[in-house]
N, C-alpha and C. Protein backbone atom coordinates (compact mmCIF):
# COMPACT_ATOMS: atom_id res chain seq x y z
N MET A 1 -65.81 73.45 -81.01
CA MET A 1 -64.59 74.18 -80.68
C MET A 1 -64.63 74.32 -79.14
N ARG A 2 -63.46 73.82 -78.52
CA ARG A 2 -63.23 73.75 -77.15
C ARG A 2 -62.53 74.95 -76.56
N ASP A 3 -63.00 75.54 -75.57
CA ASP A 3 -62.38 76.61 -74.79
C ASP A 3 -61.26 75.99 -73.95
N LEU A 4 -60.01 76.03 -74.25
CA LEU A 4 -58.94 75.36 -73.58
C LEU A 4 -58.71 76.10 -72.19
N ILE A 5 -58.91 77.41 -72.08
CA ILE A 5 -58.67 78.22 -70.97
C ILE A 5 -59.69 77.91 -69.94
N ALA A 6 -60.89 77.85 -70.30
CA ALA A 6 -62.12 77.55 -69.28
C ALA A 6 -61.94 76.03 -68.83
N ASP A 7 -61.67 75.15 -69.77
CA ASP A 7 -61.33 73.72 -69.25
C ASP A 7 -60.23 73.82 -68.17
N LEU A 8 -59.15 74.41 -68.53
CA LEU A 8 -57.89 74.46 -67.52
C LEU A 8 -58.42 75.05 -66.20
N ILE A 9 -59.07 76.10 -66.19
CA ILE A 9 -59.16 76.76 -64.90
C ILE A 9 -60.25 75.97 -64.16
N ILE A 10 -61.32 75.37 -64.93
CA ILE A 10 -62.40 74.73 -64.04
C ILE A 10 -61.81 73.44 -63.59
N LYS A 11 -60.88 72.66 -64.39
CA LYS A 11 -60.22 71.37 -63.80
C LYS A 11 -59.40 71.68 -62.59
N ILE A 12 -58.78 72.73 -62.60
CA ILE A 12 -57.90 73.20 -61.51
C ILE A 12 -58.81 73.48 -60.37
N LYS A 13 -59.83 74.27 -60.58
CA LYS A 13 -60.72 74.63 -59.40
C LYS A 13 -61.45 73.23 -58.88
N ASN A 14 -61.99 72.51 -59.63
CA ASN A 14 -62.58 71.26 -59.32
C ASN A 14 -61.72 70.21 -58.45
N ALA A 15 -60.49 70.10 -59.08
CA ALA A 15 -59.64 69.39 -58.24
C ALA A 15 -59.16 69.95 -56.94
N ASN A 16 -59.00 71.16 -56.85
CA ASN A 16 -58.72 71.90 -55.70
C ASN A 16 -59.78 71.80 -54.67
N MET A 17 -60.98 71.82 -55.03
CA MET A 17 -62.14 71.72 -53.99
C MET A 17 -62.36 70.17 -53.67
N ALA A 18 -61.90 69.36 -54.54
CA ALA A 18 -62.05 67.86 -54.17
C ALA A 18 -60.83 67.37 -53.22
N GLY A 19 -59.83 68.26 -53.09
CA GLY A 19 -58.74 67.92 -52.28
C GLY A 19 -57.74 67.01 -52.79
N HIS A 20 -57.50 67.14 -54.09
CA HIS A 20 -56.46 66.43 -54.82
C HIS A 20 -55.09 67.08 -54.61
N GLU A 21 -54.11 66.29 -54.61
CA GLU A 21 -52.78 66.98 -54.56
C GLU A 21 -52.31 67.44 -55.82
N THR A 22 -52.55 66.71 -57.10
CA THR A 22 -52.29 67.23 -58.31
C THR A 22 -53.34 67.09 -59.18
N VAL A 23 -53.20 67.64 -60.50
CA VAL A 23 -53.96 67.52 -61.47
C VAL A 23 -53.23 67.55 -62.80
N THR A 24 -53.63 66.64 -63.70
CA THR A 24 -52.92 66.52 -65.00
C THR A 24 -53.87 67.08 -66.10
N LEU A 25 -53.38 67.97 -66.99
CA LEU A 25 -53.83 68.89 -67.83
C LEU A 25 -53.28 68.49 -69.26
N PRO A 26 -54.01 68.90 -70.42
CA PRO A 26 -53.42 68.67 -71.50
C PRO A 26 -52.60 69.94 -72.03
N TYR A 27 -51.47 69.71 -72.68
CA TYR A 27 -50.41 70.84 -72.89
C TYR A 27 -51.06 71.66 -73.98
N SER A 28 -50.81 73.07 -73.84
CA SER A 28 -50.96 74.02 -74.88
C SER A 28 -50.24 75.18 -74.56
N LYS A 29 -49.63 75.95 -75.36
CA LYS A 29 -48.79 77.07 -75.18
C LYS A 29 -49.51 78.03 -74.37
N ILE A 30 -50.57 78.43 -74.60
CA ILE A 30 -51.43 79.33 -73.83
C ILE A 30 -51.64 78.92 -72.45
N GLY A 31 -52.02 77.57 -72.35
CA GLY A 31 -52.16 76.88 -70.93
C GLY A 31 -51.07 77.05 -70.19
N SER A 32 -49.93 76.62 -70.77
CA SER A 32 -48.59 76.77 -70.06
C SER A 32 -48.28 78.01 -69.72
N ALA A 33 -48.62 79.19 -70.39
CA ALA A 33 -48.34 80.50 -69.91
C ALA A 33 -49.31 80.99 -68.86
N VAL A 34 -50.62 80.63 -68.85
CA VAL A 34 -51.46 80.88 -67.78
C VAL A 34 -51.05 80.19 -66.66
N LEU A 35 -50.66 78.90 -66.54
CA LEU A 35 -50.08 78.28 -65.44
C LEU A 35 -48.85 78.78 -64.76
N GLU A 36 -48.02 79.40 -65.60
CA GLU A 36 -46.88 80.04 -65.04
C GLU A 36 -47.10 81.25 -64.33
N VAL A 37 -48.17 82.03 -64.82
CA VAL A 37 -48.67 83.12 -63.98
C VAL A 37 -49.31 82.79 -62.77
N LEU A 38 -50.15 81.68 -62.81
CA LEU A 38 -50.79 81.21 -61.66
C LEU A 38 -49.74 80.74 -60.56
N GLU A 39 -48.70 80.15 -61.06
CA GLU A 39 -47.64 79.71 -60.16
C GLU A 39 -46.92 80.91 -59.60
N LYS A 40 -46.65 81.69 -60.36
CA LYS A 40 -45.88 83.14 -59.76
C LYS A 40 -46.75 83.76 -58.61
N GLU A 41 -48.13 83.72 -58.88
CA GLU A 41 -48.86 84.33 -57.84
C GLU A 41 -49.39 83.50 -56.82
N GLY A 42 -48.82 82.08 -56.63
CA GLY A 42 -49.09 81.35 -55.61
C GLY A 42 -50.42 80.61 -55.59
N TYR A 43 -51.09 80.56 -56.70
CA TYR A 43 -52.37 79.59 -56.81
C TYR A 43 -52.15 78.25 -57.21
N VAL A 44 -51.00 77.73 -57.84
CA VAL A 44 -50.60 76.51 -57.95
C VAL A 44 -49.01 76.33 -57.74
N GLN A 45 -48.61 75.17 -57.81
CA GLN A 45 -47.12 75.01 -57.63
C GLN A 45 -46.65 73.68 -58.38
N GLY A 46 -45.44 73.77 -58.66
CA GLY A 46 -44.78 72.68 -59.27
C GLY A 46 -45.39 72.21 -60.56
N LEU A 47 -45.01 72.88 -61.74
CA LEU A 47 -45.55 72.46 -62.98
C LEU A 47 -44.43 71.56 -63.68
N ASN A 48 -45.02 70.42 -63.88
CA ASN A 48 -44.13 69.44 -64.71
C ASN A 48 -44.68 68.95 -66.10
N LYS A 49 -44.03 69.35 -67.00
CA LYS A 49 -44.38 68.87 -68.46
C LYS A 49 -43.88 67.47 -68.73
N LYS A 50 -44.90 66.53 -69.19
CA LYS A 50 -44.74 65.23 -69.28
C LYS A 50 -45.11 64.84 -70.89
N GLY A 51 -44.45 63.86 -71.39
CA GLY A 51 -44.85 63.39 -72.53
C GLY A 51 -43.84 64.04 -73.80
N LYS A 52 -44.17 63.46 -75.10
CA LYS A 52 -43.62 64.06 -76.07
C LYS A 52 -44.48 64.16 -77.22
N LYS A 53 -44.26 65.18 -78.08
CA LYS A 53 -45.06 65.52 -79.42
C LYS A 53 -46.45 65.53 -79.10
N ILE A 54 -47.37 64.57 -79.64
CA ILE A 54 -48.70 64.73 -79.55
C ILE A 54 -49.37 64.35 -78.17
N THR A 55 -48.80 63.68 -77.28
CA THR A 55 -49.34 63.22 -76.05
C THR A 55 -48.77 64.20 -74.89
N LYS A 56 -48.55 65.25 -75.00
CA LYS A 56 -47.96 66.25 -73.98
C LYS A 56 -48.96 66.62 -73.04
N SER A 57 -48.50 66.58 -71.70
CA SER A 57 -49.34 67.03 -70.60
C SER A 57 -48.52 67.74 -69.58
N ILE A 58 -49.47 68.55 -68.69
CA ILE A 58 -48.68 69.23 -67.78
C ILE A 58 -49.33 68.71 -66.30
N GLU A 59 -48.46 68.36 -65.26
CA GLU A 59 -48.91 68.02 -64.13
C GLU A 59 -48.94 69.24 -63.22
N VAL A 60 -49.81 69.66 -62.55
CA VAL A 60 -49.90 70.87 -61.69
C VAL A 60 -50.19 70.24 -60.35
N GLY A 61 -49.37 70.82 -59.48
CA GLY A 61 -49.54 70.70 -57.93
C GLY A 61 -50.38 71.69 -57.33
N LEU A 62 -51.33 71.47 -56.66
CA LEU A 62 -52.39 72.38 -55.94
C LEU A 62 -51.95 72.93 -54.70
N VAL A 63 -52.36 74.00 -54.36
CA VAL A 63 -51.93 74.70 -53.07
C VAL A 63 -53.22 74.73 -52.16
N TYR A 64 -53.00 74.48 -50.88
CA TYR A 64 -53.90 74.63 -49.89
C TYR A 64 -53.48 75.48 -48.68
N GLU A 65 -54.37 76.40 -48.15
CA GLU A 65 -54.07 77.22 -47.11
C GLU A 65 -54.36 76.35 -45.78
N ASP A 66 -53.47 76.51 -44.82
CA ASP A 66 -53.57 75.86 -43.47
C ASP A 66 -53.78 74.25 -43.64
N GLY A 67 -53.18 73.81 -44.74
CA GLY A 67 -53.29 72.33 -45.03
C GLY A 67 -54.52 71.70 -45.51
N LYS A 68 -55.72 72.52 -45.53
CA LYS A 68 -57.00 71.90 -45.76
C LYS A 68 -57.81 72.77 -46.72
N LYS A 69 -57.76 74.25 -46.41
CA LYS A 69 -58.59 75.04 -47.26
C LYS A 69 -57.99 75.20 -48.54
N PRO A 70 -58.83 75.03 -49.69
CA PRO A 70 -58.22 75.39 -51.08
C PRO A 70 -57.81 76.73 -51.23
N ARG A 71 -56.72 76.97 -51.87
CA ARG A 71 -56.40 78.39 -52.29
C ARG A 71 -57.40 79.04 -53.41
N ILE A 72 -57.71 78.05 -54.27
CA ILE A 72 -58.73 78.64 -55.22
C ILE A 72 -60.11 78.24 -54.92
N THR A 73 -61.00 79.41 -54.54
CA THR A 73 -62.27 79.10 -54.11
C THR A 73 -63.38 79.28 -55.43
N GLY A 74 -62.84 80.11 -56.32
CA GLY A 74 -63.70 80.29 -57.47
C GLY A 74 -62.94 81.06 -58.60
N VAL A 75 -63.62 80.78 -59.76
CA VAL A 75 -63.04 81.38 -61.05
C VAL A 75 -64.22 81.76 -61.86
N GLU A 76 -64.08 82.71 -62.80
CA GLU A 76 -65.03 83.34 -63.62
C GLU A 76 -64.37 83.66 -64.94
N ARG A 77 -64.94 82.95 -66.08
CA ARG A 77 -64.23 83.17 -67.43
C ARG A 77 -64.91 84.49 -67.92
N VAL A 78 -64.02 85.49 -68.21
CA VAL A 78 -64.62 86.72 -68.71
C VAL A 78 -64.88 86.78 -70.13
N SER A 79 -63.83 86.57 -70.93
CA SER A 79 -63.75 86.66 -72.39
C SER A 79 -64.13 85.13 -72.94
N LYS A 80 -65.11 85.17 -73.86
CA LYS A 80 -65.59 83.83 -74.34
C LYS A 80 -65.38 83.96 -75.83
N PHE A 81 -65.70 82.72 -76.68
CA PHE A 81 -65.74 82.78 -78.08
C PHE A 81 -66.73 83.75 -78.54
N SER A 82 -67.89 83.71 -78.07
CA SER A 82 -69.23 84.37 -78.34
C SER A 82 -68.93 86.00 -78.07
N LYS A 83 -68.12 86.25 -77.04
CA LYS A 83 -68.13 87.62 -76.67
C LYS A 83 -66.69 87.96 -76.05
N ARG A 84 -65.85 88.61 -76.99
CA ARG A 84 -64.47 88.91 -76.29
C ARG A 84 -64.62 90.12 -75.65
N VAL A 85 -63.81 90.43 -74.53
CA VAL A 85 -63.84 91.55 -73.61
C VAL A 85 -62.58 92.09 -73.47
N TYR A 86 -62.32 93.27 -73.98
CA TYR A 86 -61.08 94.05 -74.00
C TYR A 86 -61.00 95.10 -73.01
N GLN A 87 -59.86 95.42 -72.34
CA GLN A 87 -60.03 96.43 -71.42
C GLN A 87 -58.77 97.15 -71.43
N LYS A 88 -58.78 98.62 -71.53
CA LYS A 88 -57.79 99.40 -71.61
C LYS A 88 -57.15 99.48 -70.22
N ALA A 89 -55.91 99.98 -70.08
CA ALA A 89 -55.09 100.05 -68.95
C ALA A 89 -55.72 100.78 -67.74
N LYS A 90 -56.55 101.76 -68.11
CA LYS A 90 -57.21 102.65 -67.10
C LYS A 90 -58.52 102.03 -66.69
N GLU A 91 -58.92 100.95 -67.29
CA GLU A 91 -60.27 100.32 -67.07
C GLU A 91 -59.94 99.29 -66.16
N ILE A 92 -58.92 98.74 -65.99
CA ILE A 92 -58.75 97.44 -65.21
C ILE A 92 -58.98 97.85 -63.62
N ARG A 93 -59.85 97.02 -63.09
CA ARG A 93 -60.02 97.24 -61.73
C ARG A 93 -59.68 95.99 -60.93
N SER A 94 -59.54 96.11 -59.64
CA SER A 94 -59.19 94.97 -58.81
C SER A 94 -60.38 94.11 -58.55
N VAL A 95 -59.97 92.83 -58.44
CA VAL A 95 -60.98 91.64 -58.26
C VAL A 95 -61.14 91.39 -56.89
N ARG A 96 -62.48 91.47 -56.24
CA ARG A 96 -62.73 91.23 -54.89
C ARG A 96 -61.72 91.77 -53.98
N SER A 97 -61.65 93.16 -54.06
CA SER A 97 -60.81 94.04 -53.19
C SER A 97 -59.40 93.58 -52.91
N ASN A 98 -58.84 93.18 -54.11
CA ASN A 98 -57.40 92.66 -54.21
C ASN A 98 -57.36 91.36 -53.49
N PHE A 99 -58.24 90.53 -53.26
CA PHE A 99 -58.19 89.07 -52.75
C PHE A 99 -58.12 88.11 -54.00
N GLY A 100 -58.42 88.63 -55.11
CA GLY A 100 -58.45 87.85 -56.42
C GLY A 100 -57.51 88.59 -57.32
N MET A 101 -57.53 88.12 -58.58
CA MET A 101 -56.77 88.71 -59.76
C MET A 101 -57.56 88.31 -61.04
N LEU A 102 -57.23 89.29 -61.97
CA LEU A 102 -57.72 89.18 -63.26
C LEU A 102 -56.58 88.85 -64.14
N VAL A 103 -56.53 87.92 -65.16
CA VAL A 103 -55.52 87.53 -66.02
C VAL A 103 -55.99 87.85 -67.42
N LEU A 104 -55.04 88.84 -67.92
CA LEU A 104 -55.12 89.33 -69.27
C LEU A 104 -54.14 88.77 -70.31
N THR A 105 -54.49 88.78 -71.51
CA THR A 105 -53.50 88.61 -72.53
C THR A 105 -53.25 89.91 -73.15
N THR A 106 -51.89 90.38 -73.13
CA THR A 106 -51.55 91.69 -73.67
C THR A 106 -50.41 91.65 -74.80
N PRO A 107 -50.07 92.77 -75.29
CA PRO A 107 -48.99 92.70 -76.18
C PRO A 107 -47.51 92.15 -75.59
N LYS A 108 -47.60 92.42 -74.20
CA LYS A 108 -46.39 91.98 -73.40
C LYS A 108 -46.46 90.53 -72.83
N GLY A 109 -47.45 89.85 -73.29
CA GLY A 109 -47.63 88.56 -72.72
C GLY A 109 -48.87 88.47 -71.79
N ILE A 110 -48.81 87.21 -71.29
CA ILE A 110 -50.10 87.01 -70.26
C ILE A 110 -49.60 87.76 -68.89
N LEU A 111 -50.41 88.64 -68.43
CA LEU A 111 -50.12 89.32 -67.19
C LEU A 111 -51.34 89.47 -66.38
N THR A 112 -51.21 89.69 -64.89
CA THR A 112 -52.18 89.84 -64.04
C THR A 112 -52.49 91.13 -63.98
N ASP A 113 -53.78 91.55 -63.36
CA ASP A 113 -54.22 92.92 -63.27
C ASP A 113 -53.20 93.97 -62.82
N LYS A 114 -52.59 93.60 -62.02
CA LYS A 114 -51.46 94.46 -61.17
C LYS A 114 -50.44 94.88 -62.01
N GLU A 115 -49.92 93.72 -62.65
CA GLU A 115 -48.76 93.83 -63.64
C GLU A 115 -49.24 94.81 -64.97
N ALA A 116 -50.39 94.57 -65.41
CA ALA A 116 -50.94 95.21 -66.52
C ALA A 116 -51.04 96.66 -66.12
N ARG A 117 -51.56 97.13 -65.07
CA ARG A 117 -51.72 98.52 -64.59
C ARG A 117 -50.31 99.08 -64.41
N LYS A 118 -49.39 98.31 -63.85
CA LYS A 118 -48.04 98.82 -63.78
C LYS A 118 -47.24 98.97 -65.15
N GLU A 119 -47.60 98.22 -66.01
CA GLU A 119 -46.92 98.17 -67.22
C GLU A 119 -47.74 99.19 -68.44
N LYS A 120 -48.86 99.64 -67.81
CA LYS A 120 -49.80 100.63 -68.35
C LYS A 120 -50.28 99.88 -69.88
N VAL A 121 -50.61 98.70 -69.82
CA VAL A 121 -50.93 98.06 -71.02
C VAL A 121 -52.41 97.40 -70.76
N GLY A 122 -53.24 97.27 -71.78
CA GLY A 122 -54.46 96.65 -71.84
C GLY A 122 -54.37 95.34 -72.59
N GLY A 123 -55.65 94.78 -72.66
CA GLY A 123 -55.71 93.54 -73.44
C GLY A 123 -56.92 92.81 -73.26
N GLU A 124 -56.97 91.59 -73.65
CA GLU A 124 -58.07 90.72 -73.54
C GLU A 124 -58.16 90.01 -72.04
N ALA A 125 -59.32 90.46 -71.39
CA ALA A 125 -59.40 89.87 -70.04
C ALA A 125 -59.77 88.36 -70.34
N LEU A 126 -59.03 87.50 -69.71
CA LEU A 126 -59.27 86.15 -69.79
C LEU A 126 -60.27 85.45 -68.90
N PHE A 127 -59.80 85.63 -67.50
CA PHE A 127 -60.67 85.33 -66.47
C PHE A 127 -60.29 85.72 -65.14
N LYS A 128 -61.18 85.72 -64.09
CA LYS A 128 -60.99 86.15 -62.75
C LYS A 128 -60.72 85.09 -61.78
N ILE A 129 -59.84 84.95 -60.87
CA ILE A 129 -59.59 83.84 -60.15
C ILE A 129 -59.45 84.44 -58.59
N TRP A 130 -60.13 83.72 -57.66
CA TRP A 130 -60.02 84.17 -56.18
C TRP A 130 -60.00 82.90 -55.33
């Protein structure tokens, strides 16, 4: 059994650290939703869906600060297949003194930690990114 979210965030981080302009990832609904949140928060840019039916993929443009420094320097998977981690709205804390973010899946969709606190909803903590 593959962890699609862990594969997605690690591939993005590794491509960013290697200095690539874009990275191509296999398409999935949850992966697409996670990438839309990352794009909205400025961690990636330019999502392009390619292919049809079985061979769908997403091409993701990577973001660099000052032209060289990668925007994503670290990721940490919180919830895993072996241990699901759920957080109530009051338990959600900032990541790296608000220099990072926590991505959660909630009844209102995939949200960042700030959005979840604002909406007063909890959910499964997927990963942290900074």
